[in-house]
Amino acid sequence: MSNFLQMFVKFLDHLEEWLVATLIGAATIIIFIAVLHRYASGWPIPGVQDWLLTLNTSWAQELCIYMFVWMAKFGAAYGVRTGIHVGVDVFINSLRDKTRAKFVVIGLSGGALFTAIIGTLGWQFVWEVGMRYAVASTFGFDWPDLTEGPVSPDLEWPVWIFYLAVPLGSYLMCFRFLQVIRNFIRSGELPHHDAGHVEGLDDTDGNGFQPLGAQGGKS
């Protein structure tokens, strides 16, 4: 069971990273194409201008906004896991170890409780705003008071699909808070992100020299 849980957490880590990276890359490409189309449509090129004017890219802005929402929610969960979130802990770090540990657990537990509440309220909202109708229509359930729910202005997609980022991202953040609490109780350490570290680069450059600022650690 523990091996299965480790495999699931590892898969979740990769899924989280790939989802954020894919959304960033896709949103960048969509915005670039939309801006290029807007300017190219003003060029008086026979035939090409008429063809460009027939293309509708008004949906690009709306889609990118929703993509950034998903990116922010899952990026926040990634920040909890890696310790990127900003925190003011000068007072906490000045306390004795046992007292500090209690305050750290209380703070992390507050984050887990808050994200669990937001996730539950978000799920209820998504369910009522259109997901309930979609599930009933797909599986043929005869539920009373079914309403189809609103659609987005440009894409004309059900908005519950976009709002689904709120419960999913919040529940993932709650799981990350619980994960950090568990690791902190076991090891006494919190995740820490080094802003100067770049993944994939060793501590030395290609010639074997340490980067600037890395010297002085040992005499």
N, C-alpha and C. Protein backbone atom coordinates (compact mmCIF):
# COMPACT_ATOMS: atom_id res chain seq x y z
N MET A 1 0.83 -1.21 0.00
CA MET A 1 0.00 0.00 0.00
C MET A 1 0.86 1.25 0.00
N SER A 2 1.97 1.19 0.76
CA SER A 2 2.86 2.35 0.82
C SER A 2 3.54 2.59 -0.53
N ASN A 3 3.88 1.50 -1.24
CA ASN A 3 4.49 1.65 -2.56
C ASN A 3 3.50 2.28 -3.54
N PHE A 4 2.24 1.86 -3.44
CA PHE A 4 1.22 2.45 -4.30
C PHE A 4 1.05 3.93 -4.00
N LEU A 5 1.06 4.29 -2.72
CA LEU A 5 0.91 5.69 -2.34
C LEU A 5 2.09 6.51 -2.83
N GLN A 6 3.30 5.96 -2.72
CA GLN A 6 4.49 6.67 -3.21
C GLN A 6 4.42 6.88 -4.72
N MET A 7 3.97 5.85 -5.44
CA MET A 7 3.84 5.97 -6.89
C MET A 7 2.77 7.01 -7.25
N PHE A 8 1.68 7.03 -6.49
CA PHE A 8 0.62 8.00 -6.76
C PHE A 8 1.11 9.42 -6.51
N VAL A 9 1.82 9.64 -5.41
CA VAL A 9 2.34 10.98 -5.10
C VAL A 9 3.35 11.41 -6.15
N LYS A 10 4.20 10.49 -6.58
CA LYS A 10 5.18 10.82 -7.62
C LYS A 10 4.49 11.17 -8.92
N PHE A 11 3.45 10.41 -9.28
CA PHE A 11 2.68 10.72 -10.48
C PHE A 11 2.00 12.08 -10.35
N LEU A 12 1.48 12.37 -9.17
CA LEU A 12 0.82 13.65 -8.93
C LEU A 12 1.81 14.80 -9.04
N ASP A 13 3.04 14.59 -8.57
CA ASP A 13 4.06 15.63 -8.68
C ASP A 13 4.34 15.95 -10.14
N HIS A 14 4.53 14.92 -10.94
CA HIS A 14 4.82 15.13 -12.37
C HIS A 14 3.61 15.74 -13.08
N LEU A 15 2.41 15.27 -12.75
CA LEU A 15 1.21 15.81 -13.38
C LEU A 15 1.06 17.29 -13.06
N GLU A 16 1.33 17.66 -11.83
CA GLU A 16 1.25 19.05 -11.40
C GLU A 16 2.22 19.92 -12.19
N GLU A 17 3.45 19.47 -12.32
CA GLU A 17 4.48 20.24 -13.02
C GLU A 17 4.17 20.33 -14.51
N TRP A 18 3.79 19.20 -15.11
CA TRP A 18 3.49 19.19 -16.54
C TRP A 18 2.26 20.03 -16.87
N LEU A 19 1.27 20.02 -16.00
CA LEU A 19 0.07 20.81 -16.24
C LEU A 19 0.39 22.29 -16.24
N VAL A 20 1.13 22.74 -15.24
CA VAL A 20 1.49 24.16 -15.17
C VAL A 20 2.36 24.56 -16.36
N ALA A 21 3.35 23.73 -16.69
CA ALA A 21 4.24 24.05 -17.80
C ALA A 21 3.49 24.07 -19.13
N THR A 22 2.58 23.11 -19.32
CA THR A 22 1.81 23.06 -20.56
C THR A 22 0.90 24.27 -20.71
N LEU A 23 0.25 24.66 -19.61
CA LEU A 23 -0.63 25.83 -19.67
C LEU A 23 0.15 27.10 -19.96
N ILE A 24 1.33 27.25 -19.36
CA ILE A 24 2.16 28.42 -19.64
C ILE A 24 2.56 28.46 -21.10
N GLY A 25 3.05 27.32 -21.62
CA GLY A 25 3.48 27.27 -23.01
C GLY A 25 2.34 27.50 -23.98
N ALA A 26 1.21 26.86 -23.74
CA ALA A 26 0.06 26.99 -24.63
C ALA A 26 -0.49 28.42 -24.62
N ALA A 27 -0.59 29.03 -23.44
CA ALA A 27 -1.09 30.41 -23.34
C ALA A 27 -0.16 31.38 -24.06
N THR A 28 1.13 31.17 -23.95
CA THR A 28 2.10 32.03 -24.65
C THR A 28 1.94 31.94 -26.16
N ILE A 29 1.79 30.71 -26.67
CA ILE A 29 1.64 30.52 -28.11
C ILE A 29 0.33 31.14 -28.61
N ILE A 30 -0.76 30.93 -27.85
CA ILE A 30 -2.07 31.47 -28.27
C ILE A 30 -2.05 32.99 -28.29
N ILE A 31 -1.47 33.60 -27.26
CA ILE A 31 -1.39 35.06 -27.22
C ILE A 31 -0.54 35.60 -28.36
N PHE A 32 0.57 34.93 -28.64
CA PHE A 32 1.45 35.37 -29.74
C PHE A 32 0.72 35.30 -31.08
N ILE A 33 0.00 34.21 -31.32
CA ILE A 33 -0.73 34.06 -32.58
C ILE A 33 -1.83 35.11 -32.70
N ALA A 34 -2.54 35.36 -31.59
CA ALA A 34 -3.62 36.34 -31.61
C ALA A 34 -3.10 37.75 -31.89
N VAL A 35 -2.00 38.12 -31.26
CA VAL A 35 -1.41 39.45 -31.50
C VAL A 35 -0.89 39.57 -32.92
N LEU A 36 -0.21 38.52 -33.39
CA LEU A 36 0.30 38.52 -34.76
C LEU A 36 -0.85 38.64 -35.76
N HIS A 37 -1.95 37.94 -35.51
CA HIS A 37 -3.11 38.01 -36.39
C HIS A 37 -3.71 39.41 -36.40
N ARG A 38 -3.74 40.05 -35.25
CA ARG A 38 -4.33 41.38 -35.15
C ARG A 38 -3.54 42.40 -35.98
N TYR A 39 -2.22 42.32 -35.89
CA TYR A 39 -1.40 43.28 -36.64
C TYR A 39 -1.32 42.92 -38.13
N ALA A 40 -1.24 41.62 -38.43
CA ALA A 40 -1.15 41.20 -39.83
C ALA A 40 -2.43 41.49 -40.60
N SER A 41 -3.56 41.55 -39.88
CA SER A 41 -4.83 41.84 -40.56
C SER A 41 -4.88 43.26 -41.09
N GLY A 42 -4.02 44.13 -40.58
CA GLY A 42 -3.99 45.51 -41.04
C GLY A 42 -3.04 45.75 -42.21
N TRP A 43 -2.30 44.74 -42.60
CA TRP A 43 -1.39 44.89 -43.73
C TRP A 43 -2.17 44.73 -45.05
N PRO A 44 -2.04 45.70 -45.95
CA PRO A 44 -2.81 45.65 -47.21
C PRO A 44 -2.21 44.68 -48.23
N ILE A 45 -2.21 43.41 -47.89
CA ILE A 45 -1.68 42.39 -48.79
C ILE A 45 -2.86 41.74 -49.52
N PRO A 46 -2.92 41.85 -50.82
CA PRO A 46 -4.07 41.30 -51.56
C PRO A 46 -4.25 39.81 -51.29
N GLY A 47 -5.46 39.42 -51.03
CA GLY A 47 -5.77 38.02 -50.79
C GLY A 47 -5.50 37.59 -49.36
N VAL A 48 -4.29 37.90 -48.86
CA VAL A 48 -3.91 37.48 -47.51
C VAL A 48 -4.71 38.24 -46.46
N GLN A 49 -4.88 39.56 -46.69
CA GLN A 49 -5.63 40.36 -45.72
C GLN A 49 -7.09 39.91 -45.64
N ASP A 50 -7.68 39.62 -46.80
CA ASP A 50 -9.08 39.16 -46.80
C ASP A 50 -9.22 37.83 -46.06
N TRP A 51 -8.23 36.95 -46.23
CA TRP A 51 -8.27 35.65 -45.56
C TRP A 51 -8.10 35.80 -44.05
N LEU A 52 -7.19 36.70 -43.64
CA LEU A 52 -6.97 36.92 -42.22
C LEU A 52 -8.20 37.53 -41.54
N LEU A 53 -8.91 38.39 -42.25
CA LEU A 53 -10.09 39.02 -41.68
C LEU A 53 -11.24 38.03 -41.48
N THR A 54 -11.19 36.92 -42.21
CA THR A 54 -12.24 35.90 -42.01
C THR A 54 -11.99 35.04 -40.78
N LEU A 55 -10.76 35.11 -40.24
CA LEU A 55 -10.42 34.31 -39.05
C LEU A 55 -10.85 35.05 -37.79
N ASN A 56 -11.48 34.36 -36.90
CA ASN A 56 -11.95 34.94 -35.65
C ASN A 56 -11.08 34.46 -34.49
N THR A 57 -10.35 35.36 -33.89
CA THR A 57 -9.50 35.02 -32.74
C THR A 57 -9.96 35.73 -31.47
N SER A 58 -11.21 36.12 -31.42
CA SER A 58 -11.72 36.80 -30.23
C SER A 58 -11.76 35.87 -29.02
N TRP A 59 -11.75 34.57 -29.28
CA TRP A 59 -11.79 33.60 -28.20
C TRP A 59 -10.46 33.46 -27.48
N ALA A 60 -9.39 33.94 -28.10
CA ALA A 60 -8.05 33.72 -27.55
C ALA A 60 -7.88 34.37 -26.17
N GLN A 61 -8.36 35.60 -26.03
CA GLN A 61 -8.21 36.29 -24.75
C GLN A 61 -8.97 35.57 -23.64
N GLU A 62 -10.19 35.16 -23.93
CA GLU A 62 -10.99 34.47 -22.92
C GLU A 62 -10.35 33.15 -22.52
N LEU A 63 -9.88 32.39 -23.51
CA LEU A 63 -9.26 31.11 -23.22
C LEU A 63 -8.01 31.28 -22.37
N CYS A 64 -7.20 32.27 -22.68
CA CYS A 64 -5.96 32.50 -21.93
C CYS A 64 -6.26 32.92 -20.49
N ILE A 65 -7.32 33.69 -20.30
CA ILE A 65 -7.69 34.08 -18.94
C ILE A 65 -8.01 32.84 -18.10
N TYR A 66 -8.81 31.95 -18.66
CA TYR A 66 -9.16 30.73 -17.93
C TYR A 66 -7.94 29.82 -17.74
N MET A 67 -7.06 29.81 -18.72
CA MET A 67 -5.84 29.01 -18.58
C MET A 67 -4.96 29.54 -17.46
N PHE A 68 -4.90 30.86 -17.32
CA PHE A 68 -4.11 31.44 -16.24
C PHE A 68 -4.75 31.15 -14.88
N VAL A 69 -6.08 31.06 -14.84
CA VAL A 69 -6.76 30.69 -13.59
C VAL A 69 -6.34 29.28 -13.17
N TRP A 70 -6.39 28.34 -14.10
CA TRP A 70 -5.96 26.98 -13.81
C TRP A 70 -4.49 26.94 -13.42
N MET A 71 -3.70 27.72 -14.15
CA MET A 71 -2.27 27.77 -13.87
C MET A 71 -2.00 28.28 -12.46
N ALA A 72 -2.74 29.32 -12.04
CA ALA A 72 -2.54 29.90 -10.72
C ALA A 72 -2.94 28.93 -9.61
N LYS A 73 -4.07 28.22 -9.78
CA LYS A 73 -4.53 27.31 -8.74
C LYS A 73 -3.57 26.13 -8.56
N PHE A 74 -3.14 25.53 -9.65
CA PHE A 74 -2.23 24.40 -9.52
C PHE A 74 -0.80 24.86 -9.23
N GLY A 75 -0.46 26.06 -9.68
CA GLY A 75 0.84 26.62 -9.32
C GLY A 75 0.93 26.92 -7.83
N ALA A 76 -0.19 27.30 -7.22
CA ALA A 76 -0.22 27.54 -5.78
C ALA A 76 0.05 26.24 -5.01
N ALA A 77 -0.54 25.15 -5.49
CA ALA A 77 -0.28 23.85 -4.85
C ALA A 77 1.18 23.45 -5.01
N TYR A 78 1.75 23.73 -6.17
CA TYR A 78 3.18 23.46 -6.39
C TYR A 78 4.02 24.31 -5.44
N GLY A 79 3.59 25.55 -5.19
CA GLY A 79 4.32 26.41 -4.29
C GLY A 79 4.32 25.90 -2.86
N VAL A 80 3.20 25.32 -2.42
CA VAL A 80 3.15 24.73 -1.08
C VAL A 80 4.12 23.56 -0.98
N ARG A 81 4.15 22.74 -2.02
CA ARG A 81 5.02 21.55 -1.98
C ARG A 81 6.49 21.91 -1.97
N THR A 82 6.86 22.95 -2.69
CA THR A 82 8.28 23.28 -2.83
C THR A 82 8.74 24.41 -1.92
N GLY A 83 7.81 25.02 -1.17
CA GLY A 83 8.20 26.09 -0.25
C GLY A 83 8.46 27.42 -0.91
N ILE A 84 7.81 27.68 -2.04
CA ILE A 84 8.03 28.93 -2.77
C ILE A 84 7.23 30.08 -2.16
N HIS A 85 6.10 29.79 -1.51
CA HIS A 85 5.23 30.84 -1.01
C HIS A 85 5.96 31.74 -0.02
N VAL A 86 5.64 33.02 -0.12
CA VAL A 86 6.26 34.00 0.76
C VAL A 86 5.66 33.88 2.16
N GLY A 87 6.51 33.94 3.19
CA GLY A 87 6.03 33.88 4.56
C GLY A 87 6.88 34.75 5.47
N VAL A 88 6.25 35.39 6.44
CA VAL A 88 6.96 36.20 7.43
C VAL A 88 7.13 35.35 8.67
N ASP A 89 8.33 34.85 8.91
CA ASP A 89 8.55 33.90 9.99
C ASP A 89 9.66 34.34 10.93
N VAL A 90 9.95 35.64 11.00
CA VAL A 90 11.01 36.12 11.88
C VAL A 90 10.67 35.81 13.33
N PHE A 91 9.44 36.10 13.73
CA PHE A 91 9.02 35.84 15.11
C PHE A 91 9.00 34.35 15.40
N ILE A 92 8.48 33.56 14.46
CA ILE A 92 8.40 32.11 14.66
C ILE A 92 9.78 31.50 14.83
N ASN A 93 10.73 31.93 14.02
CA ASN A 93 12.07 31.37 14.09
C ASN A 93 12.83 31.78 15.35
N SER A 94 12.36 32.83 16.01
CA SER A 94 13.02 33.27 17.25
C SER A 94 12.57 32.48 18.47
N LEU A 95 11.54 31.64 18.32
CA LEU A 95 11.04 30.85 19.44
C LEU A 95 11.88 29.60 19.64
N ARG A 96 11.68 28.98 20.78
CA ARG A 96 12.35 27.70 21.05
C ARG A 96 11.80 26.62 20.11
N ASP A 97 12.57 25.58 19.94
CA ASP A 97 12.24 24.58 18.92
C ASP A 97 10.85 23.98 19.10
N LYS A 98 10.53 23.58 20.33
CA LYS A 98 9.23 22.94 20.57
C LYS A 98 8.08 23.91 20.33
N THR A 99 8.25 25.16 20.80
CA THR A 99 7.20 26.17 20.59
C THR A 99 7.08 26.51 19.12
N ARG A 100 8.22 26.63 18.45
CA ARG A 100 8.21 26.94 17.02
C ARG A 100 7.50 25.84 16.25
N ALA A 101 7.76 24.59 16.59
CA ALA A 101 7.14 23.46 15.89
C ALA A 101 5.63 23.51 16.04
N LYS A 102 5.14 23.86 17.23
CA LYS A 102 3.70 23.94 17.44
C LYS A 102 3.07 25.01 16.57
N PHE A 103 3.71 26.19 16.50
CA PHE A 103 3.17 27.28 15.68
C PHE A 103 3.22 26.93 14.19
N VAL A 104 4.26 26.23 13.77
CA VAL A 104 4.37 25.82 12.36
C VAL A 104 3.23 24.87 12.01
N VAL A 105 2.99 23.89 12.87
CA VAL A 105 1.90 22.93 12.61
C VAL A 105 0.55 23.63 12.62
N ILE A 106 0.37 24.58 13.55
CA ILE A 106 -0.90 25.32 13.59
C ILE A 106 -1.09 26.12 12.31
N GLY A 107 -0.03 26.79 11.84
CA GLY A 107 -0.14 27.57 10.61
C GLY A 107 -0.43 26.71 9.40
N LEU A 108 0.26 25.58 9.28
CA LEU A 108 0.02 24.68 8.17
C LEU A 108 -1.37 24.07 8.24
N SER A 109 -1.81 23.75 9.46
CA SER A 109 -3.16 23.19 9.62
C SER A 109 -4.22 24.22 9.22
N GLY A 110 -3.96 25.49 9.53
CA GLY A 110 -4.89 26.54 9.10
C GLY A 110 -4.98 26.62 7.59
N GLY A 111 -3.83 26.48 6.91
CA GLY A 111 -3.84 26.48 5.45
C GLY A 111 -4.60 25.30 4.89
N ALA A 112 -4.42 24.12 5.51
CA ALA A 112 -5.14 22.94 5.06
C ALA A 112 -6.64 23.09 5.27
N LEU A 113 -7.04 23.64 6.42
CA LEU A 113 -8.46 23.83 6.70
C LEU A 113 -9.08 24.84 5.73
N PHE A 114 -8.37 25.94 5.49
CA PHE A 114 -8.89 26.98 4.60
C PHE A 114 -9.08 26.45 3.18
N THR A 115 -8.07 25.76 2.66
CA THR A 115 -8.18 25.24 1.29
C THR A 115 -9.23 24.14 1.19
N ALA A 116 -9.42 23.37 2.26
CA ALA A 116 -10.48 22.35 2.25
C ALA A 116 -11.85 23.00 2.18
N ILE A 117 -12.04 24.09 2.91
CA ILE A 117 -13.32 24.81 2.89
C ILE A 117 -13.56 25.41 1.51
N ILE A 118 -12.54 26.07 0.95
CA ILE A 118 -12.67 26.67 -0.38
C ILE A 118 -12.95 25.60 -1.43
N GLY A 119 -12.28 24.45 -1.31
CA GLY A 119 -12.51 23.37 -2.25
C GLY A 119 -13.93 22.83 -2.17
N THR A 120 -14.45 22.68 -0.95
CA THR A 120 -15.81 22.16 -0.77
C THR A 120 -16.85 23.15 -1.30
N LEU A 121 -16.70 24.44 -0.95
CA LEU A 121 -17.62 25.45 -1.45
C LEU A 121 -17.52 25.58 -2.97
N GLY A 122 -16.30 25.49 -3.49
CA GLY A 122 -16.12 25.55 -4.94
C GLY A 122 -16.76 24.37 -5.64
N TRP A 123 -16.65 23.18 -5.04
CA TRP A 123 -17.28 22.01 -5.64
C TRP A 123 -18.79 22.15 -5.66
N GLN A 124 -19.37 22.65 -4.58
CA GLN A 124 -20.82 22.85 -4.55
C GLN A 124 -21.26 23.85 -5.61
N PHE A 125 -20.47 24.90 -5.78
CA PHE A 125 -20.81 25.90 -6.79
C PHE A 125 -20.73 25.32 -8.19
N VAL A 126 -19.64 24.59 -8.49
CA VAL A 126 -19.47 23.98 -9.81
C VAL A 126 -20.59 22.98 -10.09
N TRP A 127 -20.98 22.22 -9.06
CA TRP A 127 -22.03 21.21 -9.23
C TRP A 127 -23.36 21.86 -9.61
N GLU A 128 -23.67 22.98 -8.97
CA GLU A 128 -24.95 23.63 -9.20
C GLU A 128 -24.96 24.50 -10.46
N VAL A 129 -23.78 24.99 -10.89
CA VAL A 129 -23.73 25.93 -12.00
C VAL A 129 -23.78 25.25 -13.36
N GLY A 130 -23.78 23.93 -13.38
CA GLY A 130 -23.88 23.25 -14.67
C GLY A 130 -23.36 21.82 -14.70
N MET A 131 -22.50 21.46 -13.75
CA MET A 131 -21.96 20.10 -13.75
C MET A 131 -23.04 19.07 -13.44
N ARG A 132 -23.95 19.41 -12.57
CA ARG A 132 -25.06 18.51 -12.24
C ARG A 132 -25.88 18.18 -13.48
N TYR A 133 -26.14 19.20 -14.30
CA TYR A 133 -26.90 19.00 -15.53
C TYR A 133 -26.10 18.14 -16.51
N ALA A 134 -24.78 18.37 -16.60
CA ALA A 134 -23.95 17.61 -17.52
C ALA A 134 -23.90 16.14 -17.14
N VAL A 135 -23.76 15.85 -15.84
CA VAL A 135 -23.72 14.46 -15.38
C VAL A 135 -25.06 13.77 -15.63
N ALA A 136 -26.15 14.47 -15.32
CA ALA A 136 -27.48 13.89 -15.53
C ALA A 136 -27.75 13.63 -17.00
N SER A 137 -27.32 14.54 -17.87
CA SER A 137 -27.54 14.37 -19.30
C SER A 137 -26.69 13.25 -19.87
N THR A 138 -25.47 13.12 -19.37
CA THR A 138 -24.56 12.10 -19.89
C THR A 138 -25.01 10.69 -19.51
N PHE A 139 -25.43 10.51 -18.26
CA PHE A 139 -25.77 9.17 -17.76
C PHE A 139 -27.27 8.92 -17.70
N GLY A 140 -28.07 9.88 -18.16
CA GLY A 140 -29.51 9.68 -18.23
C GLY A 140 -30.23 9.70 -16.90
N PHE A 141 -29.71 10.43 -15.93
CA PHE A 141 -30.37 10.53 -14.63
C PHE A 141 -31.54 11.50 -14.72
N ASP A 142 -32.63 11.13 -14.11
CA ASP A 142 -33.82 11.97 -14.10
C ASP A 142 -33.89 12.74 -12.78
N TRP A 143 -33.03 13.76 -12.66
CA TRP A 143 -32.99 14.56 -11.44
C TRP A 143 -33.89 15.78 -11.59
N PRO A 144 -34.55 16.19 -10.52
CA PRO A 144 -35.44 17.36 -10.62
C PRO A 144 -34.65 18.67 -10.67
N ASP A 145 -35.30 19.69 -11.18
CA ASP A 145 -34.76 21.06 -11.20
C ASP A 145 -33.39 21.13 -11.88
N LEU A 146 -33.28 20.51 -13.04
CA LEU A 146 -32.02 20.57 -13.78
C LEU A 146 -31.95 21.84 -14.60
N THR A 147 -30.84 22.55 -14.50
CA THR A 147 -30.60 23.74 -15.32
C THR A 147 -29.27 23.56 -16.03
N GLU A 148 -29.24 23.93 -17.29
CA GLU A 148 -28.06 23.71 -18.11
C GLU A 148 -26.87 24.54 -17.65
N GLY A 149 -27.12 25.74 -17.13
CA GLY A 149 -26.03 26.58 -16.67
C GLY A 149 -25.52 27.49 -17.77
N PRO A 150 -24.82 28.55 -17.40
CA PRO A 150 -24.34 29.52 -18.39
C PRO A 150 -23.16 28.98 -19.19
N VAL A 151 -22.91 29.64 -20.32
CA VAL A 151 -21.75 29.33 -21.16
C VAL A 151 -20.90 30.58 -21.29
N SER A 152 -19.65 30.41 -21.63
CA SER A 152 -18.74 31.55 -21.78
C SER A 152 -19.11 32.36 -23.03
N PRO A 153 -18.86 33.68 -23.03
CA PRO A 153 -19.30 34.53 -24.14
C PRO A 153 -18.69 34.19 -25.49
N ASP A 154 -17.37 33.98 -25.53
CA ASP A 154 -16.68 33.79 -26.81
C ASP A 154 -16.54 32.32 -27.18
N LEU A 155 -16.05 31.51 -26.26
CA LEU A 155 -15.87 30.09 -26.55
C LEU A 155 -17.19 29.34 -26.58
N GLU A 156 -18.18 29.85 -25.84
CA GLU A 156 -19.48 29.19 -25.70
C GLU A 156 -19.35 27.79 -25.13
N TRP A 157 -18.44 27.65 -24.16
CA TRP A 157 -18.28 26.41 -23.42
C TRP A 157 -18.96 26.55 -22.07
N PRO A 158 -19.44 25.46 -21.48
CA PRO A 158 -20.02 25.54 -20.13
C PRO A 158 -19.00 26.09 -19.14
N VAL A 159 -19.41 27.07 -18.35
CA VAL A 159 -18.46 27.73 -17.45
C VAL A 159 -18.03 26.82 -16.31
N TRP A 160 -18.80 25.77 -16.02
CA TRP A 160 -18.42 24.90 -14.91
C TRP A 160 -17.10 24.20 -15.20
N ILE A 161 -16.78 24.02 -16.47
CA ILE A 161 -15.50 23.40 -16.83
C ILE A 161 -14.34 24.27 -16.38
N PHE A 162 -14.46 25.57 -16.56
CA PHE A 162 -13.40 26.49 -16.15
C PHE A 162 -13.36 26.65 -14.63
N TYR A 163 -14.55 26.73 -14.01
CA TYR A 163 -14.61 26.91 -12.56
C TYR A 163 -14.15 25.66 -11.81
N LEU A 164 -14.03 24.54 -12.50
CA LEU A 164 -13.58 23.31 -11.86
C LEU A 164 -12.17 23.45 -11.31
N ALA A 165 -11.44 24.45 -11.79
CA ALA A 165 -10.09 24.69 -11.27
C ALA A 165 -10.11 25.04 -9.79
N VAL A 166 -11.18 25.66 -9.31
CA VAL A 166 -11.25 26.08 -7.91
C VAL A 166 -11.27 24.89 -6.96
N PRO A 167 -12.22 23.95 -7.09
CA PRO A 167 -12.18 22.80 -6.16
C PRO A 167 -10.97 21.89 -6.37
N LEU A 168 -10.60 21.62 -7.61
CA LEU A 168 -9.47 20.73 -7.85
C LEU A 168 -8.17 21.32 -7.32
N GLY A 169 -7.92 22.59 -7.64
CA GLY A 169 -6.71 23.24 -7.16
C GLY A 169 -6.69 23.40 -5.66
N SER A 170 -7.84 23.71 -5.06
CA SER A 170 -7.90 23.89 -3.60
C SER A 170 -7.69 22.57 -2.87
N TYR A 171 -8.32 21.51 -3.36
CA TYR A 171 -8.12 20.20 -2.73
C TYR A 171 -6.67 19.73 -2.87
N LEU A 172 -6.05 20.05 -4.00
CA LEU A 172 -4.65 19.69 -4.17
C LEU A 172 -3.77 20.48 -3.21
N MET A 173 -4.09 21.77 -3.00
CA MET A 173 -3.35 22.56 -2.02
C MET A 173 -3.53 21.99 -0.62
N CYS A 174 -4.74 21.57 -0.28
CA CYS A 174 -5.00 20.96 1.02
C CYS A 174 -4.15 19.71 1.20
N PHE A 175 -4.09 18.88 0.15
CA PHE A 175 -3.27 17.68 0.22
C PHE A 175 -1.80 18.04 0.42
N ARG A 176 -1.33 19.09 -0.25
CA ARG A 176 0.07 19.50 -0.11
C ARG A 176 0.35 20.01 1.30
N PHE A 177 -0.59 20.75 1.88
CA PHE A 177 -0.41 21.21 3.26
C PHE A 177 -0.30 20.02 4.21
N LEU A 178 -1.18 19.03 4.04
CA LEU A 178 -1.12 17.83 4.89
C LEU A 178 0.18 17.07 4.67
N GLN A 179 0.64 17.05 3.44
CA GLN A 179 1.91 16.38 3.13
C GLN A 179 3.07 17.08 3.82
N VAL A 180 3.08 18.41 3.80
CA VAL A 180 4.14 19.17 4.46
C VAL A 180 4.08 18.97 5.97
N ILE A 181 2.87 18.95 6.54
CA ILE A 181 2.72 18.71 7.98
C ILE A 181 3.30 17.35 8.36
N ARG A 182 2.97 16.34 7.58
CA ARG A 182 3.45 14.98 7.86
C ARG A 182 4.98 14.93 7.81
N ASN A 183 5.57 15.54 6.78
CA ASN A 183 7.03 15.52 6.66
C ASN A 183 7.69 16.34 7.77
N PHE A 184 7.03 17.44 8.18
CA PHE A 184 7.61 18.29 9.23
C PHE A 184 7.59 17.57 10.57
N ILE A 185 6.51 16.86 10.86
CA ILE A 185 6.43 16.12 12.12
C ILE A 185 7.47 15.00 12.15
N ARG A 186 7.71 14.40 11.00
CA ARG A 186 8.67 13.29 10.95
C ARG A 186 10.12 13.77 10.99
N SER A 187 10.43 14.82 10.24
CA SER A 187 11.83 15.24 10.09
C SER A 187 12.15 16.58 10.73
N GLY A 188 11.12 17.39 11.05
CA GLY A 188 11.36 18.72 11.61
C GLY A 188 11.81 19.71 10.57
N GLU A 189 11.69 19.39 9.29
CA GLU A 189 12.13 20.27 8.21
C GLU A 189 10.95 20.68 7.34
N LEU A 190 11.03 21.92 6.84
CA LEU A 190 10.04 22.44 5.92
C LEU A 190 10.63 22.52 4.53
N PRO A 191 9.81 22.41 3.48
CA PRO A 191 10.35 22.56 2.12
C PRO A 191 10.93 23.95 1.94
N HIS A 192 12.06 24.02 1.30
CA HIS A 192 12.75 25.29 1.10
C HIS A 192 13.15 25.43 -0.35
N HIS A 193 12.86 26.58 -0.91
CA HIS A 193 13.19 26.85 -2.30
C HIS A 193 14.34 27.84 -2.36
N ASP A 194 15.40 27.44 -3.05
CA ASP A 194 16.55 28.31 -3.26
C ASP A 194 16.34 29.08 -4.55
N ALA A 195 16.13 30.40 -4.43
CA ALA A 195 15.83 31.22 -5.61
C ALA A 195 16.99 31.26 -6.58
N GLY A 196 18.20 31.00 -6.12
CA GLY A 196 19.36 31.06 -7.00
C GLY A 196 19.70 29.74 -7.66
N HIS A 197 18.94 28.70 -7.31
CA HIS A 197 19.23 27.38 -7.87
C HIS A 197 18.44 27.14 -9.15
N VAL A 198 19.10 26.62 -10.14
CA VAL A 198 18.46 26.27 -11.40
C VAL A 198 18.58 24.77 -11.59
N GLU A 199 17.44 24.10 -11.71
CA GLU A 199 17.46 22.65 -11.87
C GLU A 199 18.18 22.27 -13.16
N GLY A 200 18.99 21.23 -13.06
CA GLY A 200 19.72 20.76 -14.23
C GLY A 200 21.15 21.26 -14.29
N LEU A 201 21.47 22.26 -13.44
CA LEU A 201 22.83 22.78 -13.41
C LEU A 201 23.54 22.27 -12.17
N ASP A 202 24.77 21.82 -12.35
CA ASP A 202 25.55 21.34 -11.22
C ASP A 202 26.11 22.50 -10.43
N ASP A 203 26.72 22.18 -9.30
CA ASP A 203 27.33 23.23 -8.47
C ASP A 203 28.58 23.82 -9.09
N THR A 204 29.10 23.18 -10.13
CA THR A 204 30.28 23.70 -10.81
C THR A 204 29.97 23.87 -12.27
N ASP A 205 30.73 24.78 -12.93
CA ASP A 205 30.49 24.95 -14.35
C ASP A 205 31.29 23.92 -15.12
N GLY A 206 31.31 24.06 -16.43
CA GLY A 206 31.96 23.06 -17.27
C GLY A 206 33.44 22.94 -17.06
N ASN A 207 34.10 23.99 -16.53
CA ASN A 207 35.54 23.95 -16.32
C ASN A 207 35.91 23.52 -14.91
N GLY A 208 34.91 23.19 -14.09
CA GLY A 208 35.19 22.71 -12.75
C GLY A 208 35.27 23.81 -11.71
N PHE A 209 34.94 25.05 -12.07
CA PHE A 209 34.99 26.15 -11.12
C PHE A 209 33.63 26.31 -10.46
N GLN A 210 33.62 26.69 -9.19
CA GLN A 210 32.40 26.98 -8.50
C GLN A 210 31.84 28.30 -8.98
N PRO A 211 30.51 28.46 -9.05
CA PRO A 211 29.92 29.74 -9.44
C PRO A 211 30.19 30.79 -8.38
N LEU A 212 30.10 32.06 -8.77
CA LEU A 212 30.31 33.16 -7.85
C LEU A 212 29.33 33.07 -6.71
N GLY A 213 29.84 33.30 -5.48
CA GLY A 213 28.99 33.25 -4.31
C GLY A 213 28.94 31.88 -3.68
N ALA A 214 29.49 30.87 -4.35
CA ALA A 214 29.48 29.52 -3.80
C ALA A 214 30.71 29.23 -2.97
N GLN A 215 31.71 30.09 -3.06
CA GLN A 215 32.95 29.87 -2.33
C GLN A 215 32.81 30.39 -0.91
N GLY A 216 33.68 29.96 -0.07
CA GLY A 216 33.68 30.44 1.31
C GLY A 216 32.96 29.55 2.25
N GLY A 217 32.34 28.48 1.74
CA GLY A 217 31.61 27.58 2.63
C GLY A 217 32.54 26.74 3.47
N LYS A 218 33.72 26.41 2.89
CA LYS A 218 34.70 25.60 3.61
C LYS A 218 36.05 26.26 3.52
N SER A 219 36.83 26.11 4.53
CA SER A 219 38.18 26.69 4.56
C SER A 219 39.20 25.62 4.21
